[in-house]
Amino acid sequence: MGKKDPRVDAYIARSAPFARPILKRLRKLVHKGCPPVVEEIKWGMPHFDYGGMFCGMAAFQKHCTFGFWNRAMNLKKNEEAMGQFGCITQVADLPSDAVIVGYVRQAKKLADDGVKIGPVRKAKKPLPVPAITPAVR
């Protein structure tokens, strides 16, 4: 059985009123799709761990976000917000419960199969290398 973290309860309780039903629903569906998932707070936001970073959610002043860490899921990154589901401002913005649970189960299967591909990171620009001239030597 998974583990719920009281810090996630506190996070939801202090979120904006519009965000609470969204976060509660996402939390319930993640636990339904992956019962052994463990809740954590990372970077000040609720995350779910199952053999590593699994998925996470967050509430902001005017929207919520939700997304999976494993890029192998091939869910399109939404450019308007973190995660794959864009700016979620009401429960109606979420896909159906069956779709979300399906994504959670897909992520669980990838983790069970050992497929671990983290989030896309931007390539760092190489530091400029000063030219070595006879005067520098």
N, C-alpha and C. Protein backbone atom coordinates (compact mmCIF):
# COMPACT_ATOMS: atom_id res chain seq x y z
N MET A 1 0.84 -1.19 0.00
CA MET A 1 0.00 0.00 0.00
C MET A 1 0.87 1.24 0.00
N GLY A 2 0.47 2.26 -0.72
CA GLY A 2 1.21 3.51 -0.79
C GLY A 2 1.19 4.27 0.52
N LYS A 3 1.91 5.33 0.52
CA LYS A 3 2.02 6.13 1.73
C LYS A 3 1.60 7.56 1.43
N LYS A 4 0.66 8.06 2.23
CA LYS A 4 0.23 9.45 2.11
C LYS A 4 1.06 10.29 3.08
N ASP A 5 1.36 11.49 2.65
CA ASP A 5 2.19 12.40 3.44
C ASP A 5 1.30 13.53 3.96
N PRO A 6 1.29 13.75 5.28
CA PRO A 6 0.46 14.83 5.81
C PRO A 6 0.85 16.21 5.28
N ARG A 7 2.08 16.36 4.79
CA ARG A 7 2.48 17.64 4.19
C ARG A 7 1.70 17.91 2.91
N VAL A 8 1.28 16.84 2.22
CA VAL A 8 0.46 17.03 1.01
C VAL A 8 -0.94 17.50 1.43
N ASP A 9 -1.47 16.94 2.52
CA ASP A 9 -2.76 17.44 3.04
C ASP A 9 -2.66 18.93 3.35
N ALA A 10 -1.58 19.34 4.01
CA ALA A 10 -1.38 20.74 4.36
C ALA A 10 -1.24 21.61 3.11
N TYR A 11 -0.53 21.12 2.11
CA TYR A 11 -0.35 21.86 0.85
C TYR A 11 -1.71 22.11 0.21
N ILE A 12 -2.53 21.07 0.14
CA ILE A 12 -3.85 21.19 -0.48
C ILE A 12 -4.71 22.17 0.33
N ALA A 13 -4.65 22.06 1.65
CA ALA A 13 -5.48 22.92 2.52
C ALA A 13 -5.13 24.39 2.37
N ARG A 14 -3.87 24.71 2.14
CA ARG A 14 -3.49 26.12 2.01
C ARG A 14 -3.50 26.61 0.56
N SER A 15 -3.87 25.76 -0.37
CA SER A 15 -3.99 26.17 -1.77
C SER A 15 -5.25 27.00 -1.96
N ALA A 16 -5.30 27.71 -3.07
CA ALA A 16 -6.47 28.53 -3.38
C ALA A 16 -7.72 27.64 -3.46
N PRO A 17 -8.88 28.18 -3.11
CA PRO A 17 -10.11 27.37 -3.11
C PRO A 17 -10.37 26.65 -4.44
N PHE A 18 -10.09 27.31 -5.59
CA PHE A 18 -10.34 26.65 -6.88
C PHE A 18 -9.44 25.42 -7.05
N ALA A 19 -8.25 25.43 -6.44
CA ALA A 19 -7.25 24.38 -6.65
C ALA A 19 -7.52 23.13 -5.82
N ARG A 20 -8.16 23.27 -4.69
CA ARG A 20 -8.33 22.13 -3.78
C ARG A 20 -9.03 20.93 -4.43
N PRO A 21 -10.17 21.11 -5.11
CA PRO A 21 -10.80 19.93 -5.71
C PRO A 21 -9.95 19.31 -6.82
N ILE A 22 -9.19 20.12 -7.52
CA ILE A 22 -8.32 19.61 -8.59
C ILE A 22 -7.22 18.74 -7.98
N LEU A 23 -6.54 19.26 -6.97
CA LEU A 23 -5.45 18.53 -6.34
C LEU A 23 -5.94 17.26 -5.65
N LYS A 24 -7.10 17.34 -5.00
CA LYS A 24 -7.66 16.15 -4.33
C LYS A 24 -7.97 15.06 -5.35
N ARG A 25 -8.52 15.48 -6.48
CA ARG A 25 -8.88 14.51 -7.51
C ARG A 25 -7.64 13.86 -8.11
N LEU A 26 -6.63 14.66 -8.43
CA LEU A 26 -5.40 14.11 -8.99
C LEU A 26 -4.75 13.15 -8.00
N ARG A 27 -4.69 13.54 -6.74
CA ARG A 27 -4.10 12.68 -5.70
C ARG A 27 -4.83 11.34 -5.63
N LYS A 28 -6.15 11.39 -5.62
CA LYS A 28 -6.95 10.16 -5.55
C LYS A 28 -6.69 9.26 -6.76
N LEU A 29 -6.61 9.86 -7.94
CA LEU A 29 -6.42 9.07 -9.16
C LEU A 29 -5.02 8.48 -9.26
N VAL A 30 -4.01 9.21 -8.78
CA VAL A 30 -2.65 8.66 -8.78
C VAL A 30 -2.60 7.44 -7.86
N HIS A 31 -3.20 7.53 -6.68
CA HIS A 31 -3.22 6.39 -5.76
C HIS A 31 -4.05 5.23 -6.32
N LYS A 32 -5.10 5.54 -7.04
CA LYS A 32 -5.92 4.48 -7.64
C LYS A 32 -5.14 3.74 -8.73
N GLY A 33 -4.42 4.47 -9.56
CA GLY A 33 -3.68 3.86 -10.66
C GLY A 33 -2.39 3.19 -10.24
N CYS A 34 -1.82 3.62 -9.12
CA CYS A 34 -0.56 3.06 -8.63
C CYS A 34 -0.62 3.01 -7.10
N PRO A 35 -1.31 1.99 -6.55
CA PRO A 35 -1.48 1.92 -5.10
C PRO A 35 -0.19 2.00 -4.27
N PRO A 36 0.95 1.47 -4.72
CA PRO A 36 2.14 1.56 -3.88
C PRO A 36 2.89 2.90 -3.94
N VAL A 37 2.34 3.90 -4.65
CA VAL A 37 3.02 5.18 -4.78
C VAL A 37 3.20 5.83 -3.40
N VAL A 38 4.29 6.58 -3.27
CA VAL A 38 4.61 7.27 -2.02
C VAL A 38 4.61 8.77 -2.28
N GLU A 39 3.92 9.50 -1.42
CA GLU A 39 3.87 10.96 -1.56
C GLU A 39 5.09 11.60 -0.90
N GLU A 40 5.51 12.71 -1.50
CA GLU A 40 6.62 13.49 -0.96
C GLU A 40 6.37 14.96 -1.31
N ILE A 41 7.12 15.82 -0.68
CA ILE A 41 7.15 17.22 -1.08
C ILE A 41 8.55 17.48 -1.62
N LYS A 42 8.63 17.90 -2.86
CA LYS A 42 9.91 18.24 -3.49
C LYS A 42 9.75 19.61 -4.11
N TRP A 43 10.74 20.46 -3.90
CA TRP A 43 10.69 21.83 -4.42
C TRP A 43 9.43 22.55 -3.95
N GLY A 44 8.93 22.18 -2.77
CA GLY A 44 7.77 22.83 -2.20
C GLY A 44 6.44 22.39 -2.80
N MET A 45 6.44 21.34 -3.64
CA MET A 45 5.22 20.88 -4.31
C MET A 45 5.04 19.37 -4.10
N PRO A 46 3.79 18.89 -4.12
CA PRO A 46 3.55 17.46 -3.98
C PRO A 46 4.08 16.66 -5.18
N HIS A 47 4.80 15.61 -4.86
CA HIS A 47 5.30 14.68 -5.87
C HIS A 47 4.97 13.27 -5.43
N PHE A 48 4.92 12.39 -6.38
CA PHE A 48 4.64 10.99 -6.12
C PHE A 48 5.85 10.19 -6.58
N ASP A 49 6.28 9.29 -5.74
CA ASP A 49 7.47 8.50 -6.00
C ASP A 49 7.09 7.03 -6.14
N TYR A 50 7.59 6.40 -7.19
CA TYR A 50 7.42 4.96 -7.38
C TYR A 50 8.66 4.48 -8.13
N GLY A 51 9.63 4.03 -7.39
CA GLY A 51 10.89 3.62 -8.01
C GLY A 51 11.64 4.82 -8.57
N GLY A 52 11.45 5.96 -8.01
CA GLY A 52 12.04 7.21 -8.49
C GLY A 52 10.94 8.22 -8.72
N MET A 53 11.32 9.37 -9.24
CA MET A 53 10.33 10.42 -9.51
C MET A 53 9.28 9.87 -10.47
N PHE A 54 8.03 10.02 -10.11
CA PHE A 54 6.94 9.41 -10.86
C PHE A 54 6.07 10.49 -11.53
N CYS A 55 5.44 11.32 -10.71
CA CYS A 55 4.65 12.44 -11.23
C CYS A 55 4.52 13.49 -10.14
N GLY A 56 4.05 14.65 -10.53
CA GLY A 56 3.91 15.72 -9.55
C GLY A 56 2.80 16.67 -9.94
N MET A 57 2.37 17.43 -8.94
CA MET A 57 1.32 18.42 -9.16
C MET A 57 1.66 19.68 -8.38
N ALA A 58 1.07 20.78 -8.78
CA ALA A 58 1.33 22.04 -8.09
C ALA A 58 0.14 22.96 -8.28
N ALA A 59 -0.04 23.86 -7.31
CA ALA A 59 -1.07 24.88 -7.39
C ALA A 59 -0.40 26.24 -7.35
N PHE A 60 -0.86 27.12 -8.19
CA PHE A 60 -0.37 28.48 -8.25
C PHE A 60 -1.55 29.42 -8.00
N GLN A 61 -1.37 30.69 -8.16
CA GLN A 61 -2.44 31.64 -7.85
C GLN A 61 -3.67 31.44 -8.73
N LYS A 62 -3.45 31.13 -10.01
CA LYS A 62 -4.59 31.05 -10.92
C LYS A 62 -4.73 29.73 -11.68
N HIS A 63 -3.80 28.81 -11.45
CA HIS A 63 -3.90 27.52 -12.15
C HIS A 63 -3.15 26.43 -11.39
N CYS A 64 -3.42 25.19 -11.77
CA CYS A 64 -2.71 24.03 -11.26
C CYS A 64 -2.00 23.36 -12.43
N THR A 65 -1.03 22.51 -12.09
CA THR A 65 -0.34 21.73 -13.11
C THR A 65 -0.21 20.30 -12.63
N PHE A 66 -0.02 19.40 -13.58
CA PHE A 66 0.18 17.98 -13.28
C PHE A 66 0.98 17.38 -14.41
N GLY A 67 1.96 16.55 -14.07
CA GLY A 67 2.75 15.93 -15.13
C GLY A 67 3.54 14.74 -14.65
N PHE A 68 3.96 13.94 -15.60
CA PHE A 68 4.75 12.74 -15.36
C PHE A 68 6.21 13.00 -15.68
N TRP A 69 7.10 12.35 -14.95
CA TRP A 69 8.53 12.56 -15.14
C TRP A 69 9.10 11.73 -16.27
N ASN A 70 8.52 10.59 -16.56
CA ASN A 70 9.11 9.69 -17.54
C ASN A 70 8.76 10.13 -18.96
N ARG A 71 9.78 10.60 -19.69
CA ARG A 71 9.57 11.05 -21.07
C ARG A 71 9.13 9.93 -22.00
N ALA A 72 9.40 8.68 -21.62
CA ALA A 72 9.04 7.55 -22.49
C ALA A 72 7.53 7.44 -22.65
N MET A 73 6.76 8.14 -21.86
CA MET A 73 5.30 8.09 -21.99
C MET A 73 4.83 8.78 -23.26
N ASN A 74 5.67 9.60 -23.87
CA ASN A 74 5.34 10.30 -25.11
C ASN A 74 4.10 11.18 -25.00
N LEU A 75 3.90 11.77 -23.82
CA LEU A 75 2.84 12.76 -23.68
C LEU A 75 3.41 14.09 -24.11
N LYS A 76 2.65 14.82 -24.87
CA LYS A 76 3.13 16.10 -25.38
C LYS A 76 3.29 17.10 -24.24
N LYS A 77 4.41 17.76 -24.18
CA LYS A 77 4.65 18.82 -23.20
C LYS A 77 3.79 20.00 -23.57
N ASN A 78 3.08 20.51 -22.60
CA ASN A 78 2.25 21.68 -22.83
C ASN A 78 3.09 22.92 -22.58
N GLU A 79 3.13 23.83 -23.51
CA GLU A 79 4.00 25.00 -23.42
C GLU A 79 3.47 26.09 -22.50
N GLU A 80 2.19 26.02 -22.14
CA GLU A 80 1.64 27.10 -21.32
C GLU A 80 1.85 26.88 -19.83
N ALA A 81 2.28 25.68 -19.42
CA ALA A 81 2.49 25.41 -17.99
C ALA A 81 3.37 24.18 -17.83
N MET A 82 3.84 23.98 -16.60
CA MET A 82 4.60 22.76 -16.30
C MET A 82 3.70 21.55 -16.56
N GLY A 83 4.31 20.41 -16.79
CA GLY A 83 3.53 19.19 -16.96
C GLY A 83 2.94 19.07 -18.35
N GLN A 84 2.11 18.06 -18.51
CA GLN A 84 1.55 17.76 -19.82
C GLN A 84 0.11 18.22 -20.00
N PHE A 85 -0.51 18.77 -18.96
CA PHE A 85 -1.94 19.07 -19.04
C PHE A 85 -2.26 20.56 -19.05
N GLY A 86 -1.25 21.39 -19.20
CA GLY A 86 -1.47 22.83 -19.31
C GLY A 86 -1.94 23.47 -18.02
N CYS A 87 -2.53 24.64 -18.15
CA CYS A 87 -3.05 25.37 -17.00
C CYS A 87 -4.42 24.80 -16.65
N ILE A 88 -4.50 24.16 -15.51
CA ILE A 88 -5.75 23.56 -15.05
C ILE A 88 -6.39 24.54 -14.07
N THR A 89 -7.54 25.07 -14.43
CA THR A 89 -8.20 26.06 -13.57
C THR A 89 -9.49 25.54 -12.94
N GLN A 90 -9.93 24.37 -13.40
CA GLN A 90 -11.13 23.75 -12.84
C GLN A 90 -11.08 22.25 -13.12
N VAL A 91 -11.83 21.49 -12.36
CA VAL A 91 -11.83 20.03 -12.53
C VAL A 91 -12.20 19.66 -13.96
N ALA A 92 -13.07 20.43 -14.58
CA ALA A 92 -13.50 20.14 -15.97
C ALA A 92 -12.36 20.23 -16.97
N ASP A 93 -11.25 20.89 -16.60
CA ASP A 93 -10.09 20.97 -17.50
C ASP A 93 -9.30 19.66 -17.56
N LEU A 94 -9.53 18.78 -16.59
CA LEU A 94 -8.80 17.51 -16.54
C LEU A 94 -9.40 16.52 -17.53
N PRO A 95 -8.56 15.61 -18.04
CA PRO A 95 -9.12 14.49 -18.81
C PRO A 95 -10.01 13.65 -17.88
N SER A 96 -10.73 12.72 -18.42
CA SER A 96 -11.59 11.87 -17.59
C SER A 96 -10.76 11.08 -16.59
N ASP A 97 -11.41 10.63 -15.53
CA ASP A 97 -10.73 9.82 -14.52
C ASP A 97 -10.07 8.60 -15.16
N ALA A 98 -10.79 7.96 -16.08
CA ALA A 98 -10.25 6.75 -16.73
C ALA A 98 -8.97 7.07 -17.50
N VAL A 99 -8.92 8.21 -18.15
CA VAL A 99 -7.73 8.59 -18.91
C VAL A 99 -6.55 8.84 -17.97
N ILE A 100 -6.79 9.59 -16.89
CA ILE A 100 -5.70 9.87 -15.95
C ILE A 100 -5.20 8.58 -15.30
N VAL A 101 -6.10 7.72 -14.87
CA VAL A 101 -5.69 6.44 -14.27
C VAL A 101 -4.93 5.61 -15.30
N GLY A 102 -5.33 5.67 -16.56
CA GLY A 102 -4.61 4.96 -17.61
C GLY A 102 -3.19 5.46 -17.76
N TYR A 103 -3.00 6.78 -17.71
CA TYR A 103 -1.65 7.35 -17.76
C TYR A 103 -0.83 6.91 -16.55
N VAL A 104 -1.44 6.92 -15.39
CA VAL A 104 -0.73 6.51 -14.17
C VAL A 104 -0.30 5.05 -14.29
N ARG A 105 -1.18 4.21 -14.79
CA ARG A 105 -0.83 2.78 -14.95
C ARG A 105 0.27 2.60 -16.01
N GLN A 106 0.23 3.41 -17.05
CA GLN A 106 1.28 3.36 -18.07
C GLN A 106 2.63 3.75 -17.45
N ALA A 107 2.64 4.81 -16.64
CA ALA A 107 3.87 5.24 -15.97
C ALA A 107 4.36 4.16 -15.00
N LYS A 108 3.44 3.51 -14.30
CA LYS A 108 3.80 2.43 -13.37
C LYS A 108 4.44 1.27 -14.14
N LYS A 109 3.85 0.91 -15.27
CA LYS A 109 4.42 -0.19 -16.06
C LYS A 109 5.83 0.15 -16.54
N LEU A 110 6.03 1.38 -17.00
CA LEU A 110 7.37 1.79 -17.42
C LEU A 110 8.36 1.68 -16.26
N ALA A 111 7.94 2.11 -15.08
CA ALA A 111 8.82 2.02 -13.90
C ALA A 111 9.08 0.55 -13.56
N ASP A 112 8.04 -0.28 -13.62
CA ASP A 112 8.21 -1.71 -13.33
C ASP A 112 9.15 -2.38 -14.32
N ASP A 113 9.12 -1.91 -15.57
CA ASP A 113 9.98 -2.47 -16.61
C ASP A 113 11.39 -1.87 -16.59
N GLY A 114 11.62 -0.94 -15.67
CA GLY A 114 12.96 -0.35 -15.54
C GLY A 114 13.25 0.76 -16.52
N VAL A 115 12.24 1.29 -17.19
CA VAL A 115 12.44 2.38 -18.13
C VAL A 115 12.47 3.68 -17.33
N LYS A 116 13.64 4.28 -17.25
CA LYS A 116 13.80 5.51 -16.47
C LYS A 116 14.41 6.59 -17.35
N ILE A 117 13.54 7.44 -17.80
CA ILE A 117 14.00 8.56 -18.62
C ILE A 117 13.43 9.82 -17.98
N GLY A 118 14.29 10.65 -17.44
CA GLY A 118 13.88 11.84 -16.71
C GLY A 118 13.39 12.95 -17.61
N PRO A 119 13.12 14.10 -17.01
CA PRO A 119 12.59 15.22 -17.78
C PRO A 119 13.61 15.76 -18.76
N VAL A 120 13.10 16.39 -19.79
CA VAL A 120 13.98 16.99 -20.80
C VAL A 120 14.66 18.21 -20.17
N ARG A 121 15.94 18.28 -20.29
CA ARG A 121 16.68 19.43 -19.79
C ARG A 121 17.31 20.15 -20.97
N LYS A 122 17.34 21.45 -20.87
CA LYS A 122 17.98 22.24 -21.92
C LYS A 122 19.48 22.03 -21.83
N ALA A 123 20.10 21.94 -22.98
CA ALA A 123 21.55 21.77 -23.03
C ALA A 123 22.22 23.04 -22.52
N LYS A 124 23.23 22.85 -21.71
CA LYS A 124 23.97 24.00 -21.21
C LYS A 124 24.90 24.50 -22.31
N LYS A 125 25.03 25.81 -22.37
CA LYS A 125 25.95 26.39 -23.33
C LYS A 125 27.36 26.17 -22.81
N PRO A 126 28.26 25.75 -23.69
CA PRO A 126 29.64 25.56 -23.22
C PRO A 126 30.25 26.90 -22.82
N LEU A 127 31.07 26.86 -21.81
CA LEU A 127 31.76 28.07 -21.40
C LEU A 127 32.78 28.46 -22.46
N PRO A 128 32.94 29.75 -22.70
CA PRO A 128 33.93 30.16 -23.70
C PRO A 128 35.33 29.83 -23.21
N VAL A 129 36.13 29.34 -24.11
CA VAL A 129 37.50 29.00 -23.79
C VAL A 129 38.38 30.12 -24.33
N PRO A 130 39.16 30.74 -23.47
CA PRO A 130 40.01 31.83 -23.99
C PRO A 130 41.05 31.28 -24.94
N ALA A 131 41.33 32.05 -25.93
CA ALA A 131 42.34 31.62 -26.90
C ALA A 131 43.72 31.63 -26.24
N ILE A 132 44.46 30.57 -26.46
CA ILE A 132 45.82 30.47 -25.93
C ILE A 132 46.76 31.10 -26.96
N THR A 133 47.34 32.18 -26.60
CA THR A 133 48.26 32.89 -27.50
C THR A 133 49.65 32.84 -26.89
N PRO A 134 50.62 33.14 -27.65
CA PRO A 134 51.97 33.14 -27.09
C PRO A 134 52.09 34.10 -25.89
N ALA A 135 51.35 35.18 -25.92
CA ALA A 135 51.44 36.14 -24.80
C ALA A 135 50.85 35.54 -23.52
N VAL A 136 49.82 34.66 -23.65
CA VAL A 136 49.19 34.05 -22.48
C VAL A 136 50.11 32.97 -21.89
N ARG A 137 50.81 32.27 -22.75
CA ARG A 137 51.67 31.18 -22.28
C ARG A 137 52.78 31.79 -21.45
